[in-house]
Amino acid sequence: MDANRADWYVRHYSSYLRADPQYDSQDVPLFQQQSSFIVHTESFYQGYYALESINVPGNYIRLRDDGYLWIEPDAYNAAFIDAVSFAIYGRDTSRKHSVIISVLSP
């Protein structure tokens, strides 16, 4: 959920992640699936998390080389595993519900 906008959620749409309002959706059940992810703890690295899409199983949130987040199917290689591994390393206490994450660097 977007910490600054009620009813706005991070969802994948055409593989890219973006924040959209649920109230503006024409297909609420699909919207809810696109904005739901399974949190996998230590699937690839100890202390790191991976986020798998609910409605596209086997697809994970990945940081692309251009800095965008998107979902992509598991490529079963080291570069993919590094790009889908996130760690929580701090919290911005000036904003409600915000978390700072980092991606594993090679």
Protein backbone atom coordinates (compact mmCIF):
# COMPACT_ATOMS: atom_id res chain seq x y z
CA MET A 1 0.00 0.00 0.00
CA ASP A 2 1.18 3.54 -0.70
CA ALA A 3 1.89 5.17 2.67
CA ASN A 4 0.75 8.58 1.41
CA ARG A 5 -2.39 7.61 -0.50
CA ALA A 6 -5.16 5.47 1.00
CA ASP A 7 -6.46 2.71 -1.28
CA TRP A 8 -3.44 2.90 -3.61
CA TYR A 9 -1.49 -0.34 -3.94
CA VAL A 10 1.67 -1.51 -5.64
CA ARG A 11 0.67 -3.92 -8.40
CA HIS A 12 2.19 -5.42 -11.48
CA TYR A 13 0.73 -4.40 -14.80
CA SER A 14 2.38 -5.52 -18.06
CA SER A 15 5.22 -6.85 -15.89
CA TYR A 16 6.11 -3.42 -14.43
CA LEU A 17 5.28 -2.47 -10.85
CA ARG A 18 3.35 0.73 -10.24
CA ALA A 19 0.99 2.24 -7.65
CA ASP A 20 -2.67 2.44 -8.67
CA PRO A 21 -5.90 3.18 -6.80
CA GLN A 22 -8.14 0.17 -6.25
CA TYR A 23 -11.28 2.33 -6.59
CA ASP A 24 -10.30 3.13 -10.19
CA SER A 25 -10.04 -0.52 -11.21
CA GLN A 26 -12.58 -2.05 -13.58
CA ASP A 27 -11.75 -5.57 -12.37
CA VAL A 28 -11.27 -5.52 -8.58
CA PRO A 29 -10.55 -9.28 -8.19
CA LEU A 30 -7.78 -9.05 -10.83
CA PHE A 31 -6.44 -5.87 -9.22
CA GLN A 32 -6.28 -7.63 -5.85
CA GLN A 33 -4.37 -10.55 -7.36
CA GLN A 34 -1.95 -8.21 -9.17
CA SER A 35 -1.24 -6.38 -5.91
CA SER A 36 -0.68 -9.51 -3.78
CA PHE A 37 2.66 -11.21 -3.33
CA ILE A 38 3.99 -14.16 -1.34
CA VAL A 39 6.90 -13.16 0.88
CA HIS A 40 9.56 -15.88 0.79
CA THR A 41 12.02 -15.72 3.66
CA GLU A 42 15.58 -16.82 2.95
CA SER A 43 14.67 -18.66 -0.25
CA PHE A 44 17.88 -17.67 -1.97
CA TYR A 45 20.09 -15.99 0.67
CA GLN A 46 20.06 -15.92 4.46
CA GLY A 47 18.57 -12.65 5.72
CA TYR A 48 16.99 -11.75 2.37
CA TYR A 49 13.42 -11.89 1.09
CA ALA A 50 11.89 -12.61 -2.31
CA LEU A 51 8.38 -11.55 -3.39
CA GLU A 52 6.48 -13.93 -5.68
CA SER A 53 3.39 -12.88 -7.64
CA ILE A 54 0.10 -14.45 -6.51
CA ASN A 55 -1.54 -14.53 -9.94
CA VAL A 56 1.58 -15.38 -11.94
CA PRO A 57 3.24 -18.12 -9.86
CA GLY A 58 6.97 -18.46 -10.37
CA ASN A 59 7.32 -14.75 -11.20
CA TYR A 60 9.19 -12.58 -8.69
CA ILE A 61 9.64 -8.86 -8.14
CA ARG A 62 13.01 -8.04 -9.65
CA LEU A 63 15.14 -4.91 -9.83
CA ARG A 64 16.08 -4.29 -13.45
CA ASP A 65 19.37 -2.77 -14.56
CA ASP A 66 17.49 0.46 -15.47
CA GLY A 67 16.28 0.82 -11.85
CA TYR A 68 12.66 -0.20 -12.46
CA LEU A 69 10.92 -2.96 -10.53
CA TRP A 70 9.00 -5.58 -12.47
CA ILE A 71 8.01 -9.22 -12.24
CA GLU A 72 9.87 -11.89 -14.14
CA PRO A 73 9.84 -15.70 -14.18
CA ASP A 74 12.55 -17.47 -12.23
CA ALA A 75 15.61 -17.74 -14.49
CA TYR A 76 17.45 -20.14 -12.15
CA ASN A 77 20.74 -18.25 -12.44
CA ALA A 78 22.88 -16.13 -10.09
CA ALA A 79 22.01 -12.76 -11.71
CA PHE A 80 18.28 -13.43 -11.31
CA ILE A 81 18.66 -14.62 -7.71
CA ASP A 82 20.65 -11.47 -6.85
CA ALA A 83 18.02 -9.21 -8.50
CA VAL A 84 15.07 -10.75 -6.61
CA SER A 85 16.74 -10.81 -3.18
CA PHE A 86 15.75 -7.89 -0.95
CA ALA A 87 16.86 -7.05 2.59
CA ILE A 88 15.24 -4.65 5.03
CA TYR A 89 18.07 -2.57 6.43
CA GLY A 90 16.39 0.47 7.97
CA ARG A 91 13.14 2.23 8.55
CA ASP A 92 12.27 5.83 7.82
CA THR A 93 10.41 6.83 10.99
CA SER A 94 9.32 10.18 9.52
CA ARG A 95 6.73 8.41 7.32
CA LYS A 96 4.06 5.95 8.36
CA HIS A 97 4.52 2.42 6.99
CA SER A 98 7.64 3.13 4.95
CA VAL A 99 10.50 0.70 4.78
CA ILE A 100 13.88 1.06 3.14
CA ILE A 101 15.03 -2.02 1.24
CA SER A 102 18.20 -2.93 -0.57
CA VAL A 103 18.84 -5.44 -3.31
CA LEU A 104 21.71 -7.89 -3.07
CA SER A 105 24.65 -6.59 -5.09
CA PRO A 106 26.95 -8.96 -6.94
